[in-house]
Amino acid sequence: MRIECFGCDAVIEAQTTASIADLCVAHAKDCHDWSYSEEALRNWARNVAEATERLTGGTERLPEIGEVTVHRVTEDRVGDWLSFFDHEAFAGNPGWASCYCIEPHHPEGDGERPWEEKRALMIERIRNHGTFGYLAYVDDRPAGWVNASLRSDYGDFYRAVDPEGPDAPSVIGVSCFVVAPPYRKHGVASHLLDHVIDDAASRGASWIEAYPHTERNEPSASHFFRGPRSLYDARGFEPIQTLDRNTVMQRPVG
């Protein structure tokens, strides 16, 4: 079992997750001047180590894919959603595999919770309509996800957006995309966003909002999880607010 330090190129190897957590804490004390708590470091090391065991999805991009279909994640699709996040979404990127898209709702700050806790919290949110999103399918397999909850169901970062604008419960916020590696650069995110737009009126929303990163020199494609600005420009979204790292964009429903 092995993990790579998120702050340097060091590789940490051990036979058990507990041992990896111990070595991670020791490495952090010896090599880094971090303010992270020991519990957060242990949780991070365990999350990454266990992700390397459960991420069984492919990591190579397919040269072509079949038809993309998109569906709301309702109770009967929670199992597909879990399968996607448990095994497919972050194949090849175990450092991100514990997210389960909880960050827009419950930012962790400098903490890191066990992945099982975040997984259980998101299951509850989806079933209780506290999180709303869509899965894209290719050949009946989940290939991508978009979190398109109401802005009022997100955390403080989103609630502080456009304070003089429309009421938060009337705004759908497109906070995160995840596309499994085999299906990237095949327009899956475009299909998901188009479905969000087409379905918005049926949800009673008046506005759709997005938060693409303002910086264009992100270190890897995975950092465009909020969607590139070009995706929104092409669909009539207009910039309304520039934050430190994000541009807030809106378009009316219909």
Protein backbone atom coordinates (compact mmCIF):
# COMPACT_ATOMS: atom_id res chain seq x y z
CA MET A 1 0.00 0.00 0.00
CA ARG A 2 1.42 3.40 -0.99
CA ILE A 3 0.46 7.06 -1.18
CA GLU A 4 2.17 10.21 -2.43
CA CYS A 5 2.51 13.27 -0.21
CA PHE A 6 0.31 16.13 -1.42
CA GLY A 7 3.01 18.67 -0.52
CA CYS A 8 6.08 17.09 -2.13
CA ASP A 9 7.21 14.08 -4.16
CA ALA A 10 7.67 11.76 -1.19
CA VAL A 11 6.15 8.27 -1.43
CA ILE A 12 4.90 6.65 1.77
CA GLU A 13 4.54 2.88 1.85
CA ALA A 14 3.24 0.50 4.52
CA GLN A 15 1.26 -2.69 4.96
CA THR A 16 -1.77 -1.16 6.68
CA THR A 17 -3.69 2.11 6.57
CA ALA A 18 -2.88 2.72 10.24
CA SER A 19 0.83 2.45 9.52
CA ILE A 20 0.52 4.75 6.52
CA ALA A 21 -1.27 7.30 8.69
CA ASP A 22 1.52 7.14 11.29
CA LEU A 23 4.19 7.60 8.62
CA CYS A 24 2.28 10.47 7.04
CA VAL A 25 2.14 12.34 10.35
CA ALA A 26 5.85 11.72 10.94
CA HIS A 27 6.72 12.90 7.42
CA ALA A 28 4.65 16.07 7.87
CA LYS A 29 6.43 16.94 11.11
CA ASP A 30 9.87 16.29 9.62
CA CYS A 31 9.44 17.88 6.20
CA HIS A 32 6.62 20.42 6.27
CA ASP A 33 5.57 23.40 8.33
CA TRP A 34 1.86 22.76 8.16
CA SER A 35 -0.95 23.83 10.46
CA TYR A 36 -3.08 20.76 9.70
CA SER A 37 -4.15 18.81 12.75
CA GLU A 38 -2.82 15.31 13.26
CA GLU A 39 -6.34 13.96 12.92
CA ALA A 40 -6.76 15.67 9.54
CA LEU A 41 -3.46 14.24 8.29
CA ARG A 42 -4.38 10.76 9.47
CA ASN A 43 -7.78 10.97 7.81
CA TRP A 44 -6.23 12.20 4.57
CA ALA A 45 -3.63 9.40 4.50
CA ARG A 46 -6.24 6.75 5.24
CA ASN A 47 -8.66 8.18 2.68
CA VAL A 48 -6.04 8.12 -0.08
CA ALA A 49 -4.69 4.69 0.84
CA GLU A 50 -8.14 3.11 0.86
CA ALA A 51 -9.08 4.91 -2.37
CA THR A 52 -6.21 3.20 -4.17
CA GLU A 53 -7.88 -0.11 -3.25
CA ARG A 54 -11.45 0.72 -4.31
CA LEU A 55 -10.82 2.77 -7.47
CA THR A 56 -11.31 0.06 -10.08
CA GLY A 57 -12.44 2.19 -13.02
CA GLY A 58 -10.45 2.71 -16.19
CA THR A 59 -7.92 5.53 -16.43
CA GLU A 60 -7.39 5.66 -20.21
CA ARG A 61 -9.54 7.96 -22.34
CA LEU A 62 -11.63 6.11 -24.91
CA PRO A 63 -11.12 7.25 -28.51
CA GLU A 64 -14.88 7.35 -29.01
CA ILE A 65 -17.96 6.71 -26.88
CA GLY A 66 -21.61 5.83 -27.40
CA GLU A 67 -24.68 7.99 -26.95
CA VAL A 68 -24.81 10.11 -23.79
CA THR A 69 -28.05 10.17 -21.80
CA VAL A 70 -28.68 12.23 -18.66
CA HIS A 71 -30.99 11.51 -15.71
CA ARG A 72 -31.83 13.15 -12.40
CA VAL A 73 -30.37 11.34 -9.42
CA THR A 74 -33.50 10.17 -7.66
CA GLU A 75 -33.89 7.41 -5.08
CA ASP A 76 -33.74 4.68 -7.71
CA ARG A 77 -30.40 6.01 -9.02
CA VAL A 78 -28.56 6.43 -5.72
CA GLY A 79 -26.90 3.05 -6.26
CA ASP A 80 -25.54 4.20 -9.63
CA TRP A 81 -24.30 7.42 -8.04
CA LEU A 82 -22.48 5.47 -5.32
CA SER A 83 -20.93 3.07 -7.81
CA PHE A 84 -19.68 6.03 -9.85
CA PHE A 85 -18.05 7.79 -6.88
CA ASP A 86 -16.83 4.61 -5.19
CA HIS A 87 -15.03 3.18 -8.21
CA GLU A 88 -15.06 5.29 -11.38
CA ALA A 89 -15.06 9.06 -10.93
CA PHE A 90 -11.52 9.52 -9.62
CA ALA A 91 -9.75 6.49 -11.04
CA GLY A 92 -6.09 7.42 -11.24
CA ASN A 93 -6.55 10.35 -8.82
CA PRO A 94 -6.97 8.85 -5.32
CA GLY A 95 -6.17 12.15 -3.66
CA TRP A 96 -9.56 13.48 -4.75
CA ALA A 97 -11.56 10.28 -4.33
CA SER A 98 -12.94 11.06 -0.88
CA CYS A 99 -14.79 14.20 -2.00
CA TYR A 100 -18.23 12.70 -2.81
CA CYS A 101 -19.11 16.27 -3.88
CA ILE A 102 -19.76 17.32 -0.29
CA GLU A 103 -17.53 20.42 -0.43
CA PRO A 104 -20.12 22.81 -1.92
CA HIS A 105 -22.47 22.02 0.97
CA HIS A 106 -20.00 21.52 3.84
CA PRO A 107 -16.56 23.10 3.19
CA GLU A 108 -13.89 21.41 5.26
CA GLY A 109 -11.44 24.28 5.63
CA ASP A 110 -8.21 22.79 6.92
CA GLY A 111 -9.90 19.58 8.08
CA GLU A 112 -10.34 16.22 6.40
CA ARG A 113 -13.09 13.82 7.37
CA PRO A 114 -13.15 10.05 6.77
CA TRP A 115 -14.48 9.25 3.32
CA GLU A 116 -17.20 6.96 4.74
CA GLU A 117 -18.59 9.90 6.72
CA LYS A 118 -18.78 12.13 3.64
CA ARG A 119 -20.30 9.30 1.62
CA ALA A 120 -23.04 8.70 4.19
CA LEU A 121 -23.75 12.42 4.50
CA MET A 122 -24.24 12.78 0.76
CA ILE A 123 -26.53 9.74 0.57
CA GLU A 124 -28.72 11.38 3.21
CA ARG A 125 -28.64 14.73 1.39
CA ILE A 126 -29.64 13.23 -1.94
CA ARG A 127 -32.47 11.20 -0.42
CA ASN A 128 -33.75 14.23 1.52
CA HIS A 129 -33.44 16.56 -1.50
CA GLY A 130 -30.68 18.63 0.10
CA THR A 131 -28.46 17.90 -2.89
CA PHE A 132 -29.75 17.80 -6.45
CA GLY A 133 -27.81 16.59 -9.45
CA TYR A 134 -27.68 14.56 -12.63
CA LEU A 135 -25.79 11.53 -13.87
CA ALA A 136 -24.66 11.12 -17.47
CA TYR A 137 -24.69 7.56 -18.79
CA VAL A 138 -22.83 5.95 -21.68
CA ASP A 139 -23.85 2.41 -22.62
CA ASP A 140 -25.90 2.24 -19.39
CA ARG A 141 -22.82 3.04 -17.25
CA PRO A 142 -22.52 6.22 -15.16
CA ALA A 143 -19.93 8.41 -16.87
CA GLY A 144 -20.33 11.86 -15.31
CA TRP A 145 -22.03 13.90 -12.61
CA VAL A 146 -23.02 17.52 -12.08
CA ASN A 147 -24.10 19.01 -8.77
CA ALA A 148 -26.88 21.45 -9.66
CA SER A 149 -28.45 22.11 -6.28
CA LEU A 150 -30.23 25.31 -5.34
CA ARG A 151 -27.85 27.99 -4.17
CA SER A 152 -29.72 28.03 -0.85
CA ASP A 153 -28.63 24.40 -0.28
CA TYR A 154 -24.93 25.25 -0.57
CA GLY A 155 -22.48 26.58 2.00
CA ASP A 156 -21.42 30.11 2.87
CA PHE A 157 -19.29 30.72 -0.23
CA TYR A 158 -22.35 30.42 -2.46
CA ARG A 159 -24.80 32.15 -0.15
CA ALA A 160 -22.60 35.26 -0.18
CA VAL A 161 -22.78 35.51 -3.99
CA ASP A 162 -24.75 38.39 -5.54
CA PRO A 163 -26.40 39.58 -2.29
CA GLU A 164 -28.53 42.15 -4.13
CA GLY A 165 -29.61 39.68 -6.81
CA PRO A 166 -32.35 37.03 -7.01
CA ASP A 167 -33.36 35.05 -3.93
CA ALA A 168 -31.10 32.04 -3.36
CA PRO A 169 -33.97 29.46 -3.47
CA SER A 170 -34.78 30.61 -7.04
CA VAL A 171 -31.21 30.05 -8.30
CA ILE A 172 -29.75 26.73 -9.46
CA GLY A 173 -26.02 26.73 -8.79
CA VAL A 174 -23.82 24.57 -11.04
CA SER A 175 -21.06 23.89 -8.54
CA CYS A 176 -19.18 20.76 -9.67
CA PHE A 177 -18.64 18.43 -12.61
CA VAL A 178 -16.97 15.03 -12.41
CA VAL A 179 -16.37 12.94 -15.55
CA ALA A 180 -14.73 9.51 -15.34
CA PRO A 181 -11.38 9.33 -17.20
CA PRO A 182 -12.53 7.15 -20.15
CA TYR A 183 -15.25 9.67 -21.07
CA ARG A 184 -13.38 12.96 -20.79
CA LYS A 185 -13.19 15.34 -23.76
CA HIS A 186 -16.24 13.75 -25.34
CA GLY A 187 -18.73 16.48 -24.44
CA VAL A 188 -20.15 14.78 -21.34
CA ALA A 189 -20.06 18.01 -19.30
CA SER A 190 -21.86 19.81 -22.14
CA HIS A 191 -24.62 17.20 -22.09
CA LEU A 192 -24.95 17.57 -18.34
CA LEU A 193 -25.13 21.37 -18.43
CA ASP A 194 -27.64 21.34 -21.30
CA HIS A 195 -29.84 19.04 -19.24
CA VAL A 196 -29.58 21.33 -16.21
CA ILE A 197 -30.74 24.22 -18.41
CA ASP A 198 -33.56 22.24 -20.04
CA ASP A 199 -34.82 20.90 -16.70
CA ALA A 200 -34.58 24.16 -14.73
CA ALA A 201 -38.13 25.38 -15.39
CA SER A 202 -39.62 22.11 -14.13
CA ARG A 203 -37.78 22.69 -10.86
CA GLY A 204 -39.36 26.12 -10.41
CA ALA A 205 -36.07 28.02 -10.74
CA SER A 206 -35.74 31.46 -12.31
CA TRP A 207 -31.97 31.62 -12.72
CA ILE A 208 -29.02 29.32 -13.32
CA GLU A 209 -25.63 30.24 -11.93
CA ALA A 210 -22.08 28.97 -12.41
CA TYR A 211 -18.69 29.62 -10.79
CA PRO A 212 -15.85 28.86 -13.24
CA HIS A 213 -12.32 29.46 -12.05
CA THR A 214 -11.01 32.85 -13.03
CA GLU A 215 -7.43 31.60 -13.31
CA ARG A 216 -6.67 29.97 -16.65
CA ASN A 217 -3.41 28.30 -15.65
CA GLU A 218 -4.78 25.52 -13.48
CA PRO A 219 -2.28 22.67 -12.96
CA SER A 220 -4.44 19.91 -14.45
CA ALA A 221 -7.74 19.28 -16.19
CA SER A 222 -9.24 17.96 -12.95
CA HIS A 223 -9.02 21.46 -11.47
CA PHE A 224 -11.69 22.65 -13.91
CA PHE A 225 -14.29 20.84 -11.83
CA ARG A 226 -16.51 23.93 -11.87
CA GLY A 227 -16.49 23.84 -15.67
CA PRO A 228 -14.44 26.09 -17.95
CA ARG A 229 -15.82 29.56 -18.61
CA SER A 230 -16.16 28.75 -22.32
CA LEU A 231 -18.80 26.15 -21.43
CA TYR A 232 -21.00 28.90 -19.97
CA ASP A 233 -20.17 31.62 -22.51
CA ALA A 234 -21.51 29.33 -25.24
CA ARG A 235 -24.86 29.03 -23.44
CA GLY A 236 -25.61 32.66 -22.74
CA PHE A 237 -24.30 32.96 -19.19
CA GLU A 238 -23.16 36.50 -18.32
CA PRO A 239 -20.50 37.40 -15.72
CA ILE A 240 -21.97 39.29 -12.78
CA GLN A 241 -19.26 39.13 -10.12
CA THR A 242 -15.51 38.45 -9.98
CA LEU A 243 -14.16 36.83 -6.82
CA ASP A 244 -10.59 35.91 -5.88
CA ARG A 245 -10.58 32.65 -7.83
CA ASN A 246 -13.99 32.43 -9.45
CA THR A 247 -16.18 34.35 -11.87
CA VAL A 248 -19.89 34.20 -11.04
CA MET A 249 -22.01 33.81 -14.17
CA GLN A 250 -25.79 33.78 -14.55
CA ARG A 251 -28.48 33.26 -17.15
CA PRO A 252 -32.26 33.34 -16.82
CA VAL A 253 -34.27 30.15 -17.10
CA GLY A 254 -36.06 29.80 -20.43
